Amino acid sequence: MERLLIFVCISNRNRSPFAEFFFSKLISERNKNLIPSIKVMSCGFIPQKMKEKIAALQVGFPDPFYGRPLALSTRTVLLQEGIAVPDGWRTKALTLEAAQEADTIITALTEQKNELIGLYPEAADKIFTIKEISQWEDRLIWEQGFMHKEIPNDIYFWDYVEENMDHVSIALSQMKKMLIMGYSHILDKLGLNHSERSRE
């Protein structure tokens, strides 16, 4: 039976698509036998707290927010990992259907996890943050908030968080480390036991 794993960030242009493609690469390198058993995808979800912060800053959201191509910064980092993303790939929002069908959902933010559990309480036992599932103890670059001195709180906000190579490369470097650290835990949450994982 195929398991559905969904990674979630805000815009689905950086962290979650990186996780989608990099985790798929990890599976192909470590457990090729699992490729037919796991479908990996990524989506975006904007928690209410994020909407309120953006509204307070009067930054606004790109229009359209979804249906956009992968950020060039993320595409560059993935290419450095030997991963080429199809040109036709586009961002998408997390839908009710996807949330219901998913076996495991991993969010970039705690606010996303909490709000998704509120929206889909029946899915509470399958929603985790990337930080908790990887047992990451350090601070994340995206936890530094909108008032961090390096992040512009104006019309350049989205250009910075999505395309600034210094910012994005650090964020995706942390995501890469967490995916590697959390690999076996993610498989466990998907219901793939050790014997299934080791079968060649």
N, C-alpha and C. Protein backbone atom coordinates (compact mmCIF):
# COMPACT_ATOMS: atom_id res chain seq x y z
N MET A 1 0.83 -1.20 0.00
CA MET A 1 0.00 0.00 0.00
C MET A 1 0.88 1.26 0.00
N GLU A 2 0.58 2.18 -0.89
CA GLU A 2 1.38 3.40 -1.00
C GLU A 2 1.05 4.36 0.13
N ARG A 3 2.09 4.89 0.79
CA ARG A 3 1.91 5.90 1.83
C ARG A 3 2.14 7.28 1.22
N LEU A 4 1.35 8.25 1.69
CA LEU A 4 1.49 9.63 1.21
C LEU A 4 2.13 10.49 2.29
N LEU A 5 3.28 11.08 1.95
CA LEU A 5 4.02 11.97 2.85
C LEU A 5 3.96 13.38 2.26
N ILE A 6 3.49 14.34 3.05
CA ILE A 6 3.38 15.72 2.58
C ILE A 6 4.22 16.64 3.46
N PHE A 7 5.10 17.40 2.83
CA PHE A 7 5.87 18.44 3.51
C PHE A 7 5.15 19.77 3.27
N VAL A 8 5.07 20.59 4.32
CA VAL A 8 4.32 21.85 4.23
C VAL A 8 5.18 23.02 4.69
N CYS A 9 5.21 24.08 3.90
CA CYS A 9 5.77 25.35 4.35
C CYS A 9 4.76 26.45 3.99
N ILE A 10 5.17 27.69 3.93
CA ILE A 10 4.21 28.77 3.67
C ILE A 10 3.86 28.87 2.19
N SER A 11 4.84 29.17 1.38
CA SER A 11 4.57 29.46 -0.03
C SER A 11 4.81 28.28 -0.96
N ASN A 12 5.38 27.18 -0.42
CA ASN A 12 5.69 26.01 -1.23
C ASN A 12 6.70 26.34 -2.34
N ARG A 13 7.61 27.28 -2.05
CA ARG A 13 8.63 27.65 -3.03
C ARG A 13 10.04 27.33 -2.57
N ASN A 14 10.24 27.10 -1.27
CA ASN A 14 11.59 26.87 -0.75
C ASN A 14 11.69 25.60 0.09
N ARG A 15 11.27 25.68 1.34
CA ARG A 15 11.53 24.59 2.28
C ARG A 15 10.79 23.30 1.93
N SER A 16 9.49 23.39 1.68
CA SER A 16 8.74 22.15 1.43
C SER A 16 9.10 21.49 0.11
N PRO A 17 9.28 22.23 -1.01
CA PRO A 17 9.70 21.53 -2.23
C PRO A 17 11.11 20.97 -2.10
N PHE A 18 12.00 21.69 -1.38
CA PHE A 18 13.33 21.12 -1.15
C PHE A 18 13.19 19.79 -0.42
N ALA A 19 12.34 19.77 0.62
CA ALA A 19 12.14 18.53 1.37
C ALA A 19 11.55 17.44 0.50
N GLU A 20 10.59 17.80 -0.34
CA GLU A 20 9.97 16.83 -1.25
C GLU A 20 11.01 16.13 -2.12
N PHE A 21 11.85 16.91 -2.78
CA PHE A 21 12.80 16.33 -3.72
C PHE A 21 14.02 15.72 -3.03
N PHE A 22 14.48 16.34 -1.94
CA PHE A 22 15.65 15.80 -1.26
C PHE A 22 15.30 14.52 -0.52
N PHE A 23 14.13 14.46 0.11
CA PHE A 23 13.75 13.24 0.81
C PHE A 23 13.54 12.10 -0.19
N SER A 24 13.00 12.42 -1.36
CA SER A 24 12.84 11.40 -2.41
C SER A 24 14.20 10.86 -2.83
N LYS A 25 15.18 11.75 -2.88
CA LYS A 25 16.54 11.32 -3.22
C LYS A 25 17.10 10.40 -2.12
N LEU A 26 16.84 10.74 -0.87
CA LEU A 26 17.31 9.90 0.23
C LEU A 26 16.71 8.49 0.12
N ILE A 27 15.44 8.41 -0.20
CA ILE A 27 14.80 7.11 -0.34
C ILE A 27 15.47 6.30 -1.45
N SER A 28 15.71 6.96 -2.59
CA SER A 28 16.31 6.25 -3.73
C SER A 28 17.73 5.80 -3.43
N GLU A 29 18.44 6.53 -2.57
CA GLU A 29 19.82 6.18 -2.22
C GLU A 29 19.88 5.13 -1.11
N ARG A 30 18.96 5.18 -0.17
CA ARG A 30 19.04 4.32 1.02
C ARG A 30 18.14 3.10 0.94
N ASN A 31 16.96 3.26 0.36
CA ASN A 31 15.97 2.17 0.38
C ASN A 31 15.19 2.15 -0.94
N LYS A 32 15.85 1.77 -2.02
CA LYS A 32 15.20 1.78 -3.33
C LYS A 32 13.93 0.93 -3.35
N ASN A 33 13.91 -0.10 -2.51
CA ASN A 33 12.74 -0.97 -2.46
C ASN A 33 11.49 -0.25 -1.98
N LEU A 34 11.68 0.91 -1.33
CA LEU A 34 10.54 1.65 -0.81
C LEU A 34 9.95 2.64 -1.81
N ILE A 35 10.62 2.85 -2.93
CA ILE A 35 10.15 3.85 -3.90
C ILE A 35 8.70 3.64 -4.29
N PRO A 36 8.26 2.40 -4.58
CA PRO A 36 6.85 2.22 -4.94
C PRO A 36 5.89 2.39 -3.76
N SER A 37 6.43 2.40 -2.54
CA SER A 37 5.58 2.42 -1.34
C SER A 37 5.35 3.82 -0.77
N ILE A 38 6.09 4.82 -1.26
CA ILE A 38 5.99 6.16 -0.69
C ILE A 38 5.79 7.19 -1.80
N LYS A 39 4.74 7.98 -1.67
CA LYS A 39 4.54 9.13 -2.54
C LYS A 39 4.87 10.37 -1.73
N VAL A 40 5.84 11.15 -2.21
CA VAL A 40 6.26 12.35 -1.49
C VAL A 40 5.80 13.58 -2.27
N MET A 41 5.17 14.50 -1.59
CA MET A 41 4.75 15.74 -2.23
C MET A 41 4.91 16.90 -1.26
N SER A 42 4.68 18.10 -1.72
CA SER A 42 4.78 19.28 -0.87
C SER A 42 3.66 20.26 -1.20
N CYS A 43 3.31 21.05 -0.20
CA CYS A 43 2.22 22.02 -0.35
C CYS A 43 2.51 23.25 0.50
N GLY A 44 1.71 24.29 0.29
CA GLY A 44 1.81 25.48 1.11
C GLY A 44 0.58 25.64 1.97
N PHE A 45 0.76 26.24 3.14
CA PHE A 45 -0.36 26.52 4.04
C PHE A 45 0.00 27.76 4.85
N ILE A 46 -0.88 28.76 4.83
CA ILE A 46 -0.63 30.01 5.54
C ILE A 46 -1.43 30.03 6.83
N PRO A 47 -0.79 29.87 7.98
CA PRO A 47 -1.53 29.91 9.25
C PRO A 47 -2.05 31.32 9.53
N GLN A 48 -3.11 31.42 10.31
CA GLN A 48 -3.73 32.71 10.59
C GLN A 48 -2.75 33.69 11.22
N LYS A 49 -1.88 33.21 12.11
CA LYS A 49 -0.92 34.10 12.75
C LYS A 49 0.00 34.76 11.72
N MET A 50 0.35 34.02 10.67
CA MET A 50 1.18 34.57 9.61
C MET A 50 0.40 35.65 8.85
N LYS A 51 -0.86 35.38 8.56
CA LYS A 51 -1.69 36.36 7.86
C LYS A 51 -1.79 37.65 8.65
N GLU A 52 -1.95 37.51 9.96
CA GLU A 52 -2.07 38.69 10.82
C GLU A 52 -0.77 39.49 10.87
N LYS A 53 0.36 38.79 10.93
CA LYS A 53 1.66 39.49 10.95
C LYS A 53 1.90 40.22 9.64
N ILE A 54 1.60 39.57 8.53
CA ILE A 54 1.79 40.19 7.22
C ILE A 54 0.88 41.40 7.08
N ALA A 55 -0.36 41.27 7.56
CA ALA A 55 -1.31 42.38 7.49
C ALA A 55 -0.81 43.56 8.32
N ALA A 56 -0.26 43.26 9.51
CA ALA A 56 0.24 44.33 10.39
C ALA A 56 1.42 45.06 9.76
N LEU A 57 2.24 44.32 9.02
CA LEU A 57 3.40 44.92 8.36
C LEU A 57 3.03 45.60 7.05
N GLN A 58 1.81 45.36 6.59
CA GLN A 58 1.32 45.90 5.32
C GLN A 58 2.23 45.48 4.15
N VAL A 59 2.71 44.25 4.25
CA VAL A 59 3.57 43.70 3.19
C VAL A 59 2.72 43.12 2.07
N GLY A 60 1.68 42.37 2.45
CA GLY A 60 0.84 41.73 1.45
C GLY A 60 1.45 40.43 0.94
N PHE A 61 0.69 39.73 0.10
CA PHE A 61 1.13 38.47 -0.49
C PHE A 61 1.23 38.60 -2.00
N PRO A 62 2.19 37.94 -2.63
CA PRO A 62 2.23 37.93 -4.09
C PRO A 62 0.90 37.42 -4.65
N ASP A 63 0.50 37.94 -5.79
CA ASP A 63 -0.75 37.53 -6.41
C ASP A 63 -0.48 37.08 -7.85
N PRO A 64 -0.68 35.78 -8.16
CA PRO A 64 -1.21 34.74 -7.27
C PRO A 64 -0.13 34.24 -6.33
N PHE A 65 -0.55 33.69 -5.20
CA PHE A 65 0.42 33.19 -4.23
C PHE A 65 0.84 31.77 -4.57
N TYR A 66 -0.10 30.96 -5.05
CA TYR A 66 0.22 29.60 -5.48
C TYR A 66 0.09 29.51 -7.00
N GLY A 67 0.61 28.40 -7.54
CA GLY A 67 0.66 28.28 -8.99
C GLY A 67 1.89 28.93 -9.58
N ARG A 68 2.86 29.26 -8.70
CA ARG A 68 4.11 29.88 -9.16
C ARG A 68 5.20 28.82 -9.34
N PRO A 69 6.22 29.12 -10.14
CA PRO A 69 7.33 28.17 -10.30
C PRO A 69 8.19 28.10 -9.05
N LEU A 70 9.01 27.09 -8.99
CA LEU A 70 9.96 26.93 -7.89
C LEU A 70 10.87 28.16 -7.84
N ALA A 71 11.19 28.62 -6.63
CA ALA A 71 12.11 29.75 -6.49
C ALA A 71 13.46 29.39 -7.10
N LEU A 72 14.05 30.33 -7.82
CA LEU A 72 15.35 30.09 -8.45
C LEU A 72 16.39 29.71 -7.41
N SER A 73 16.31 30.33 -6.23
CA SER A 73 17.27 30.02 -5.16
C SER A 73 17.18 28.54 -4.76
N THR A 74 15.96 28.04 -4.63
CA THR A 74 15.77 26.64 -4.25
C THR A 74 16.19 25.70 -5.38
N ARG A 75 15.87 26.08 -6.60
CA ARG A 75 16.29 25.27 -7.75
C ARG A 75 17.82 25.17 -7.80
N THR A 76 18.50 26.27 -7.48
CA THR A 76 19.96 26.29 -7.48
C THR A 76 20.52 25.35 -6.42
N VAL A 77 19.96 25.40 -5.21
CA VAL A 77 20.43 24.54 -4.13
C VAL A 77 20.17 23.07 -4.47
N LEU A 78 19.01 22.77 -5.03
CA LEU A 78 18.71 21.39 -5.41
C LEU A 78 19.65 20.90 -6.50
N LEU A 79 19.98 21.75 -7.45
CA LEU A 79 20.94 21.36 -8.49
C LEU A 79 22.30 21.03 -7.89
N GLN A 80 22.67 21.75 -6.84
CA GLN A 80 23.93 21.46 -6.15
C GLN A 80 23.89 20.08 -5.49
N GLU A 81 22.68 19.60 -5.21
CA GLU A 81 22.50 18.25 -4.64
C GLU A 81 22.32 17.21 -5.74
N GLY A 82 22.42 17.64 -6.99
CA GLY A 82 22.25 16.72 -8.11
C GLY A 82 20.80 16.44 -8.45
N ILE A 83 19.92 17.35 -8.06
CA ILE A 83 18.48 17.16 -8.26
C ILE A 83 17.96 18.23 -9.22
N ALA A 84 17.42 17.81 -10.35
CA ALA A 84 16.85 18.75 -11.32
C ALA A 84 15.33 18.67 -11.23
N VAL A 85 14.70 19.80 -10.99
CA VAL A 85 13.24 19.87 -10.87
C VAL A 85 12.65 20.22 -12.24
N PRO A 86 11.61 19.52 -12.68
CA PRO A 86 10.99 19.83 -13.98
C PRO A 86 10.56 21.28 -14.07
N ASP A 87 10.73 21.89 -15.23
CA ASP A 87 10.38 23.30 -15.42
C ASP A 87 8.89 23.56 -15.18
N GLY A 88 8.07 22.55 -15.42
CA GLY A 88 6.64 22.73 -15.26
C GLY A 88 6.13 22.62 -13.84
N TRP A 89 7.03 22.35 -12.89
CA TRP A 89 6.60 22.21 -11.50
C TRP A 89 6.04 23.55 -11.00
N ARG A 90 4.92 23.49 -10.28
CA ARG A 90 4.29 24.71 -9.76
C ARG A 90 3.89 24.50 -8.30
N THR A 91 3.88 25.60 -7.55
CA THR A 91 3.49 25.54 -6.14
C THR A 91 1.99 25.28 -6.03
N LYS A 92 1.59 24.74 -4.88
CA LYS A 92 0.17 24.45 -4.66
C LYS A 92 -0.15 24.56 -3.17
N ALA A 93 -1.41 24.85 -2.90
CA ALA A 93 -1.88 24.95 -1.53
C ALA A 93 -2.30 23.57 -1.02
N LEU A 94 -2.17 23.37 0.27
CA LEU A 94 -2.64 22.14 0.89
C LEU A 94 -4.16 22.13 0.84
N THR A 95 -4.74 21.07 0.31
CA THR A 95 -6.20 20.96 0.22
C THR A 95 -6.73 20.03 1.29
N LEU A 96 -8.02 20.11 1.53
CA LEU A 96 -8.67 19.22 2.48
C LEU A 96 -8.46 17.77 2.06
N GLU A 97 -8.61 17.50 0.77
CA GLU A 97 -8.47 16.14 0.27
C GLU A 97 -7.07 15.59 0.53
N ALA A 98 -6.04 16.43 0.26
CA ALA A 98 -4.66 15.99 0.49
C ALA A 98 -4.41 15.74 1.96
N ALA A 99 -4.92 16.63 2.81
CA ALA A 99 -4.72 16.47 4.26
C ALA A 99 -5.37 15.19 4.76
N GLN A 100 -6.52 14.86 4.20
CA GLN A 100 -7.22 13.65 4.63
C GLN A 100 -6.53 12.39 4.11
N GLU A 101 -5.98 12.48 2.90
CA GLU A 101 -5.35 11.31 2.29
C GLU A 101 -3.95 11.04 2.84
N ALA A 102 -3.28 12.08 3.35
CA ALA A 102 -1.90 11.93 3.80
C ALA A 102 -1.79 10.95 4.96
N ASP A 103 -0.71 10.19 4.95
CA ASP A 103 -0.38 9.32 6.07
C ASP A 103 0.45 10.06 7.10
N THR A 104 1.27 11.00 6.62
CA THR A 104 2.09 11.83 7.50
C THR A 104 2.22 13.22 6.88
N ILE A 105 2.06 14.25 7.70
CA ILE A 105 2.24 15.64 7.27
C ILE A 105 3.31 16.26 8.14
N ILE A 106 4.32 16.86 7.51
CA ILE A 106 5.42 17.47 8.25
C ILE A 106 5.46 18.95 7.90
N THR A 107 5.30 19.80 8.92
CA THR A 107 5.24 21.24 8.70
C THR A 107 6.56 21.92 9.05
N ALA A 108 6.77 23.08 8.44
CA ALA A 108 7.96 23.87 8.75
C ALA A 108 7.77 24.64 10.05
N LEU A 109 6.52 25.01 10.37
CA LEU A 109 6.24 25.86 11.51
C LEU A 109 5.32 25.18 12.52
N THR A 110 5.53 25.50 13.79
CA THR A 110 4.64 25.00 14.84
C THR A 110 3.24 25.54 14.65
N GLU A 111 3.13 26.83 14.23
CA GLU A 111 1.81 27.43 14.01
C GLU A 111 1.03 26.66 12.95
N GLN A 112 1.72 26.16 11.93
CA GLN A 112 1.04 25.38 10.90
C GLN A 112 0.51 24.07 11.49
N LYS A 113 1.33 23.40 12.25
CA LYS A 113 0.90 22.14 12.87
C LYS A 113 -0.33 22.37 13.75
N ASN A 114 -0.26 23.37 14.62
CA ASN A 114 -1.36 23.61 15.55
C ASN A 114 -2.65 23.97 14.83
N GLU A 115 -2.55 24.81 13.81
CA GLU A 115 -3.76 25.22 13.10
C GLU A 115 -4.33 24.07 12.27
N LEU A 116 -3.46 23.27 11.67
CA LEU A 116 -3.94 22.12 10.89
C LEU A 116 -4.64 21.11 11.79
N ILE A 117 -4.12 20.91 12.99
CA ILE A 117 -4.77 20.00 13.93
C ILE A 117 -6.15 20.56 14.32
N GLY A 118 -6.24 21.90 14.46
CA GLY A 118 -7.53 22.51 14.75
C GLY A 118 -8.52 22.33 13.62
N LEU A 119 -8.01 22.40 12.37
CA LEU A 119 -8.87 22.24 11.21
C LEU A 119 -9.23 20.79 10.96
N TYR A 120 -8.27 19.90 11.20
CA TYR A 120 -8.46 18.47 10.93
C TYR A 120 -8.11 17.66 12.18
N PRO A 121 -8.92 17.76 13.24
CA PRO A 121 -8.59 17.07 14.50
C PRO A 121 -8.43 15.57 14.34
N GLU A 122 -9.10 14.99 13.36
CA GLU A 122 -8.98 13.55 13.15
C GLU A 122 -7.59 13.18 12.64
N ALA A 123 -6.83 14.17 12.18
CA ALA A 123 -5.48 13.92 11.64
C ALA A 123 -4.38 14.29 12.63
N ALA A 124 -4.76 14.59 13.87
CA ALA A 124 -3.79 15.10 14.85
C ALA A 124 -2.59 14.18 15.05
N ASP A 125 -2.82 12.87 14.98
CA ASP A 125 -1.73 11.93 15.25
C ASP A 125 -0.79 11.73 14.07
N LYS A 126 -1.03 12.43 12.97
CA LYS A 126 -0.15 12.27 11.81
C LYS A 126 0.49 13.58 11.36
N ILE A 127 0.37 14.63 12.17
CA ILE A 127 0.94 15.93 11.83
C ILE A 127 2.07 16.25 12.79
N PHE A 128 3.25 16.55 12.25
CA PHE A 128 4.44 16.83 13.04
C PHE A 128 5.18 18.03 12.44
N THR A 129 5.97 18.70 13.26
CA THR A 129 6.88 19.71 12.70
C THR A 129 8.18 19.00 12.32
N ILE A 130 8.89 19.58 11.37
CA ILE A 130 10.17 19.00 10.96
C ILE A 130 11.17 19.03 12.13
N LYS A 131 11.02 20.03 12.98
CA LYS A 131 11.94 20.15 14.11
C LYS A 131 11.74 19.02 15.11
N GLU A 132 10.48 18.69 15.41
CA GLU A 132 10.25 17.64 16.40
C GLU A 132 10.53 16.26 15.85
N ILE A 133 10.20 16.02 14.58
CA ILE A 133 10.39 14.67 14.03
C ILE A 133 11.88 14.36 13.83
N SER A 134 12.69 15.41 13.68
CA SER A 134 14.14 15.21 13.53
C SER A 134 14.88 15.36 14.85
N GLN A 135 14.14 15.78 15.89
CA GLN A 135 14.73 16.04 17.21
C GLN A 135 15.83 17.09 17.13
N TRP A 136 15.57 18.10 16.31
CA TRP A 136 16.50 19.21 16.12
C TRP A 136 16.41 20.14 17.32
N GLU A 137 17.54 20.50 17.92
CA GLU A 137 17.53 21.29 19.14
C GLU A 137 17.97 22.74 18.92
N ASP A 138 18.62 23.04 17.81
CA ASP A 138 19.08 24.40 17.56
C ASP A 138 17.95 25.28 17.04
N ARG A 139 18.17 26.56 17.06
CA ARG A 139 17.19 27.52 16.54
C ARG A 139 17.20 27.47 15.02
N LEU A 140 16.03 27.63 14.43
CA LEU A 140 15.91 27.62 12.97
C LEU A 140 15.91 29.04 12.44
N ILE A 141 16.48 29.22 11.24
CA ILE A 141 16.55 30.57 10.68
C ILE A 141 15.16 31.14 10.50
N TRP A 142 14.16 30.30 10.17
CA TRP A 142 12.81 30.84 9.95
C TRP A 142 12.03 31.04 11.24
N GLU A 143 12.64 30.73 12.39
CA GLU A 143 12.03 31.03 13.68
C GLU A 143 12.42 32.42 14.17
N GLN A 144 13.29 33.09 13.44
CA GLN A 144 13.79 34.38 13.88
C GLN A 144 12.76 35.49 13.70
N GLY A 145 11.69 35.19 12.97
CA GLY A 145 10.56 36.11 12.92
C GLY A 145 10.73 37.26 11.94
N PHE A 146 9.66 38.00 11.80
CA PHE A 146 9.62 39.07 10.83
C PHE A 146 10.40 40.30 11.26
N MET A 147 10.72 40.39 12.54
CA MET A 147 11.41 41.59 13.01
C MET A 147 12.92 41.38 13.06
N HIS A 148 13.40 40.26 12.52
CA HIS A 148 14.84 40.03 12.48
C HIS A 148 15.48 41.14 11.65
N LYS A 149 16.60 41.66 12.11
CA LYS A 149 17.18 42.85 11.50
C LYS A 149 17.54 42.67 10.03
N GLU A 150 17.79 41.43 9.59
CA GLU A 150 18.21 41.23 8.21
C GLU A 150 17.02 41.07 7.26
N ILE A 151 15.83 40.79 7.80
CA ILE A 151 14.68 40.56 6.94
C ILE A 151 13.90 41.86 6.78
N PRO A 152 13.76 42.35 5.56
CA PRO A 152 13.03 43.60 5.35
C PRO A 152 11.54 43.45 5.63
N ASN A 153 10.99 44.42 6.35
CA ASN A 153 9.56 44.39 6.68
C ASN A 153 8.81 45.34 5.75
N ASP A 154 8.98 45.13 4.45
CA ASP A 154 8.36 46.01 3.46
C ASP A 154 8.08 45.19 2.20
N ILE A 155 7.95 45.84 1.07
CA ILE A 155 7.60 45.15 -0.17
C ILE A 155 8.68 44.17 -0.62
N TYR A 156 9.87 44.27 -0.04
CA TYR A 156 10.96 43.38 -0.42
C TYR A 156 11.02 42.10 0.44
N PHE A 157 10.05 41.97 1.35
CA PHE A 157 10.05 40.82 2.26
C PHE A 157 10.09 39.51 1.50
N TRP A 158 9.16 39.31 0.56
CA TRP A 158 9.07 38.02 -0.14
C TRP A 158 10.28 37.79 -1.04
N ASP A 159 10.79 38.85 -1.66
CA ASP A 159 12.01 38.69 -2.47
C ASP A 159 13.15 38.17 -1.60
N TYR A 160 13.22 38.66 -0.38
CA TYR A 160 14.31 38.25 0.51
C TYR A 160 14.13 36.81 0.97
N VAL A 161 12.96 36.49 1.55
CA VAL A 161 12.81 35.16 2.15
C VAL A 161 12.74 34.06 1.11
N GLU A 162 12.37 34.38 -0.13
CA GLU A 162 12.26 33.35 -1.16
C GLU A 162 13.46 33.29 -2.10
N GLU A 163 14.15 34.41 -2.30
CA GLU A 163 15.19 34.42 -3.33
C GLU A 163 16.58 34.84 -2.87
N ASN A 164 16.70 35.43 -1.67
CA ASN A 164 18.02 35.82 -1.21
C ASN A 164 18.85 34.56 -0.94
N MET A 165 19.93 34.37 -1.71
CA MET A 165 20.67 33.11 -1.64
C MET A 165 21.29 32.86 -0.28
N ASP A 166 21.75 33.90 0.40
CA ASP A 166 22.33 33.71 1.73
C ASP A 166 21.28 33.17 2.69
N HIS A 167 20.12 33.79 2.70
CA HIS A 167 19.03 33.37 3.59
C HIS A 167 18.52 31.98 3.22
N VAL A 168 18.22 31.78 1.94
CA VAL A 168 17.63 30.52 1.50
C VAL A 168 18.60 29.36 1.68
N SER A 169 19.87 29.57 1.35
CA SER A 169 20.84 28.47 1.46
C SER A 169 21.01 28.02 2.90
N ILE A 170 20.97 28.95 3.85
CA ILE A 170 21.06 28.57 5.26
C ILE A 170 19.82 27.80 5.68
N ALA A 171 18.65 28.30 5.27
CA ALA A 171 17.39 27.63 5.62
C ALA A 171 17.35 26.21 5.06
N LEU A 172 17.77 26.06 3.81
CA LEU A 172 17.71 24.74 3.19
C LEU A 172 18.82 23.83 3.69
N SER A 173 19.93 24.41 4.12
CA SER A 173 20.98 23.60 4.75
C SER A 173 20.46 23.00 6.06
N GLN A 174 19.73 23.80 6.83
CA GLN A 174 19.13 23.29 8.05
C GLN A 174 18.08 22.22 7.73
N MET A 175 17.27 22.48 6.70
CA MET A 175 16.26 21.50 6.31
C MET A 175 16.92 20.18 5.90
N LYS A 176 18.00 20.25 5.15
CA LYS A 176 18.71 19.05 4.73
C LYS A 176 19.18 18.24 5.93
N LYS A 177 19.78 18.92 6.91
CA LYS A 177 20.28 18.23 8.10
C LYS A 177 19.13 17.58 8.86
N MET A 178 17.99 18.27 8.96
CA MET A 178 16.86 17.72 9.68
C MET A 178 16.25 16.52 8.96
N LEU A 179 16.23 16.57 7.63
CA LEU A 179 15.70 15.43 6.86
C LEU A 179 16.58 14.19 7.04
N ILE A 180 17.89 14.41 7.07
CA ILE A 180 18.81 13.29 7.28
C ILE A 180 18.65 12.74 8.70
N MET A 181 18.59 13.65 9.68
CA MET A 181 18.43 13.22 11.07
C MET A 181 17.09 12.54 11.31
N GLY A 182 16.05 13.02 10.62
CA GLY A 182 14.72 12.49 10.87
C GLY A 182 14.30 11.38 9.94
N TYR A 183 15.17 10.95 9.06
CA TYR A 183 14.81 9.97 8.02
C TYR A 183 14.12 8.74 8.59
N SER A 184 14.76 8.07 9.54
CA SER A 184 14.18 6.83 10.08
C SER A 184 12.90 7.11 10.86
N HIS A 185 12.84 8.26 11.54
CA HIS A 185 11.63 8.60 12.29
C HIS A 185 10.46 8.83 11.34
N ILE A 186 10.73 9.46 10.19
CA ILE A 186 9.67 9.70 9.21
C ILE A 186 9.15 8.37 8.67
N LEU A 187 10.06 7.45 8.38
CA LEU A 187 9.64 6.14 7.90
C LEU A 187 8.80 5.43 8.96
N ASP A 188 9.19 5.58 10.22
CA ASP A 188 8.41 4.97 11.29
C ASP A 188 6.99 5.54 11.32
N LYS A 189 6.87 6.88 11.17
CA LYS A 189 5.55 7.50 11.20
C LYS A 189 4.71 7.05 10.01
N LEU A 190 5.37 6.68 8.92
CA LEU A 190 4.66 6.19 7.74
C LEU A 190 4.24 4.73 7.90
N GLY A 191 4.67 4.12 9.00
CA GLY A 191 4.31 2.73 9.25
C GLY A 191 5.20 1.73 8.57
N LEU A 192 6.40 2.14 8.22
CA LEU A 192 7.36 1.24 7.57
C LEU A 192 8.34 0.75 8.64
N ASN A 193 8.20 -0.50 9.03
CA ASN A 193 9.04 -1.01 10.10
C ASN A 193 10.44 -1.33 9.62
N HIS A 194 11.31 -1.69 10.54
CA HIS A 194 12.72 -1.89 10.21
C HIS A 194 12.94 -3.02 9.21
N SER A 195 12.15 -4.05 9.29
CA SER A 195 12.34 -5.16 8.35
C SER A 195 11.96 -4.73 6.93
N GLU A 196 10.90 -3.92 6.81
CA GLU A 196 10.50 -3.42 5.49
C GLU A 196 11.56 -2.49 4.94
N ARG A 197 12.13 -1.67 5.82
CA ARG A 197 13.11 -0.68 5.38
C ARG A 197 14.40 -1.34 4.89
N SER A 198 14.77 -2.47 5.52
CA SER A 198 16.04 -3.09 5.19
C SER A 198 15.95 -4.10 4.06
N ARG A 199 14.72 -4.42 3.62
CA ARG A 199 14.56 -5.43 2.59
C ARG A 199 15.04 -4.89 1.24
N GLU A 200 15.93 -5.61 0.61
CA GLU A 200 16.46 -5.17 -0.69
C GLU A 200 15.81 -5.97 -1.81
